[in-house]
Amino acid sequence: MNDTSKYSQIYRDIKELRPEDTLQLVIDSKDEEEQMFYQLIGNYLLRQNQMRVIEQNLF
């Protein structure tokens, strides 16, 4: 059985990443798969921010 609290904490930590953090993670990746993973996270966070800006009519 998985310890879901561990993954919930990882999720909360990821949500706190800034664009420069995800860029550094991509740069420091050990292989292409890890790089793609961090790129996906960066894209997800960017999309979340874009949706928030659109919803608040801040653009």
N, C-alpha and C. Protein backbone atom coordinates (compact mmCIF):
# COMPACT_ATOMS: atom_id res chain seq x y z
N MET A 1 0.84 -1.18 0.00
CA MET A 1 0.00 0.00 0.00
C MET A 1 0.88 1.25 0.00
N ASN A 2 0.46 2.24 -0.77
CA ASN A 2 1.20 3.50 -0.86
C ASN A 2 0.90 4.40 0.33
N ASP A 3 1.90 5.15 0.71
CA ASP A 3 1.73 6.16 1.74
C ASP A 3 1.30 7.45 1.03
N THR A 4 0.00 7.67 0.93
CA THR A 4 -0.51 8.80 0.16
C THR A 4 -0.11 10.14 0.74
N SER A 5 0.13 10.21 2.03
CA SER A 5 0.54 11.49 2.62
C SER A 5 1.89 11.93 2.06
N LYS A 6 2.75 10.98 1.76
CA LYS A 6 4.05 11.30 1.18
C LYS A 6 3.85 11.97 -0.19
N TYR A 7 2.95 11.43 -0.98
CA TYR A 7 2.70 12.00 -2.31
C TYR A 7 1.94 13.31 -2.23
N SER A 8 1.11 13.46 -1.25
CA SER A 8 0.42 14.73 -1.05
C SER A 8 1.43 15.83 -0.73
N GLN A 9 2.43 15.50 0.06
CA GLN A 9 3.47 16.48 0.38
C GLN A 9 4.29 16.82 -0.87
N ILE A 10 4.60 15.83 -1.67
CA ILE A 10 5.32 16.08 -2.93
C ILE A 10 4.51 17.02 -3.81
N TYR A 11 3.22 16.78 -3.91
CA TYR A 11 2.33 17.64 -4.70
C TYR A 11 2.39 19.09 -4.19
N ARG A 12 2.29 19.26 -2.88
CA ARG A 12 2.33 20.61 -2.31
C ARG A 12 3.68 21.27 -2.58
N ASP A 13 4.75 20.51 -2.49
CA ASP A 13 6.08 21.06 -2.76
C ASP A 13 6.20 21.48 -4.23
N ILE A 14 5.70 20.66 -5.12
CA ILE A 14 5.78 20.96 -6.56
C ILE A 14 5.00 22.23 -6.88
N LYS A 15 3.84 22.40 -6.26
CA LYS A 15 3.03 23.59 -6.53
C LYS A 15 3.74 24.88 -6.13
N GLU A 16 4.74 24.79 -5.27
CA GLU A 16 5.48 25.97 -4.81
C GLU A 16 6.66 26.33 -5.73
N LEU A 17 6.93 25.47 -6.72
CA LEU A 17 8.05 25.74 -7.61
C LEU A 17 7.80 26.99 -8.44
N ARG A 18 8.86 27.74 -8.66
CA ARG A 18 8.82 28.92 -9.53
C ARG A 18 9.36 28.52 -10.90
N PRO A 19 9.08 29.30 -11.93
CA PRO A 19 9.58 28.95 -13.27
C PRO A 19 11.09 28.73 -13.30
N GLU A 20 11.84 29.56 -12.59
CA GLU A 20 13.29 29.38 -12.59
C GLU A 20 13.71 28.08 -11.89
N ASP A 21 12.90 27.63 -10.94
CA ASP A 21 13.17 26.35 -10.29
C ASP A 21 13.02 25.19 -11.28
N THR A 22 11.92 25.20 -12.02
CA THR A 22 11.70 24.10 -12.97
C THR A 22 12.74 24.14 -14.08
N LEU A 23 13.14 25.33 -14.49
CA LEU A 23 14.19 25.43 -15.51
C LEU A 23 15.49 24.82 -14.99
N GLN A 24 15.84 25.11 -13.75
CA GLN A 24 17.06 24.55 -13.18
C GLN A 24 16.96 23.03 -13.06
N LEU A 25 15.79 22.53 -12.71
CA LEU A 25 15.60 21.08 -12.64
C LEU A 25 15.80 20.44 -14.01
N VAL A 26 15.30 21.09 -15.06
CA VAL A 26 15.49 20.57 -16.42
C VAL A 26 16.97 20.56 -16.77
N ILE A 27 17.64 21.66 -16.47
CA ILE A 27 19.07 21.77 -16.79
C ILE A 27 19.88 20.70 -16.06
N ASP A 28 19.53 20.44 -14.81
CA ASP A 28 20.29 19.50 -13.99
C ASP A 28 19.85 18.04 -14.15
N SER A 29 18.92 17.78 -15.03
CA SER A 29 18.40 16.42 -15.21
C SER A 29 19.50 15.45 -15.62
N LYS A 30 19.37 14.24 -15.12
CA LYS A 30 20.38 13.21 -15.40
C LYS A 30 20.18 12.53 -16.76
N ASP A 31 18.93 12.52 -17.24
CA ASP A 31 18.66 11.89 -18.53
C ASP A 31 17.43 12.55 -19.17
N GLU A 32 17.14 12.13 -20.39
CA GLU A 32 16.06 12.73 -21.15
C GLU A 32 14.69 12.50 -20.50
N GLU A 33 14.49 11.35 -19.91
CA GLU A 33 13.20 11.06 -19.28
C GLU A 33 12.95 12.00 -18.08
N GLU A 34 13.97 12.20 -17.28
CA GLU A 34 13.85 13.11 -16.14
C GLU A 34 13.62 14.54 -16.63
N GLN A 35 14.31 14.91 -17.68
CA GLN A 35 14.15 16.24 -18.26
C GLN A 35 12.70 16.44 -18.73
N MET A 36 12.15 15.46 -19.41
CA MET A 36 10.76 15.56 -19.87
C MET A 36 9.79 15.68 -18.70
N PHE A 37 10.06 14.95 -17.62
CA PHE A 37 9.22 15.00 -16.43
C PHE A 37 9.17 16.42 -15.88
N TYR A 38 10.33 17.04 -15.72
CA TYR A 38 10.37 18.40 -15.18
C TYR A 38 9.78 19.42 -16.15
N GLN A 39 9.92 19.19 -17.44
CA GLN A 39 9.30 20.06 -18.42
C GLN A 39 7.77 19.99 -18.31
N LEU A 40 7.26 18.77 -18.12
CA LEU A 40 5.81 18.60 -17.94
C LEU A 40 5.32 19.33 -16.70
N ILE A 41 6.06 19.25 -15.62
CA ILE A 41 5.69 19.96 -14.41
C ILE A 41 5.70 21.47 -14.65
N GLY A 42 6.75 21.96 -15.29
CA GLY A 42 6.83 23.39 -15.60
C GLY A 42 5.68 23.85 -16.47
N ASN A 43 5.33 23.06 -17.47
CA ASN A 43 4.21 23.40 -18.35
C ASN A 43 2.89 23.38 -17.59
N TYR A 44 2.72 22.42 -16.71
CA TYR A 44 1.50 22.33 -15.90
C TYR A 44 1.36 23.57 -15.02
N LEU A 45 2.43 23.95 -14.35
CA LEU A 45 2.38 25.11 -13.47
C LEU A 45 2.13 26.40 -14.26
N LEU A 46 2.75 26.51 -15.42
CA LEU A 46 2.51 27.67 -16.28
C LEU A 46 1.05 27.74 -16.70
N ARG A 47 0.49 26.61 -17.08
CA ARG A 47 -0.91 26.56 -17.49
C ARG A 47 -1.84 26.93 -16.33
N GLN A 48 -1.54 26.48 -15.14
CA GLN A 48 -2.34 26.83 -13.97
C GLN A 48 -2.32 28.34 -13.74
N ASN A 49 -1.13 28.94 -13.86
CA ASN A 49 -1.02 30.39 -13.69
C ASN A 49 -1.76 31.14 -14.79
N GLN A 50 -1.67 30.66 -16.02
CA GLN A 50 -2.39 31.30 -17.12
C GLN A 50 -3.89 31.24 -16.88
N MET A 51 -4.39 30.11 -16.43
CA MET A 51 -5.83 29.98 -16.18
C MET A 51 -6.27 30.94 -15.07
N ARG A 52 -5.45 31.08 -14.04
CA ARG A 52 -5.77 31.98 -12.93
C ARG A 52 -5.83 33.44 -13.43
N VAL A 53 -4.88 33.82 -14.27
CA VAL A 53 -4.84 35.18 -14.83
C VAL A 53 -6.08 35.44 -15.69
N ILE A 54 -6.44 34.47 -16.50
CA ILE A 54 -7.61 34.62 -17.37
C ILE A 54 -8.88 34.71 -16.55
N GLU A 55 -9.02 33.87 -15.54
CA GLU A 55 -10.21 33.89 -14.69
C GLU A 55 -10.37 35.22 -13.95
N GLN A 56 -9.26 35.85 -13.61
CA GLN A 56 -9.30 37.10 -12.86
C GLN A 56 -9.26 38.33 -13.79
N ASN A 57 -9.30 38.09 -15.10
CA ASN A 57 -9.24 39.16 -16.09
C ASN A 57 -8.06 40.08 -15.89
N LEU A 58 -6.89 39.49 -15.63
CA LEU A 58 -5.68 40.27 -15.39
C LEU A 58 -4.82 40.43 -16.65
N PHE A 59 -5.25 39.90 -17.75
CA PHE A 59 -4.44 39.98 -18.97
C PHE A 59 -4.74 41.20 -19.76
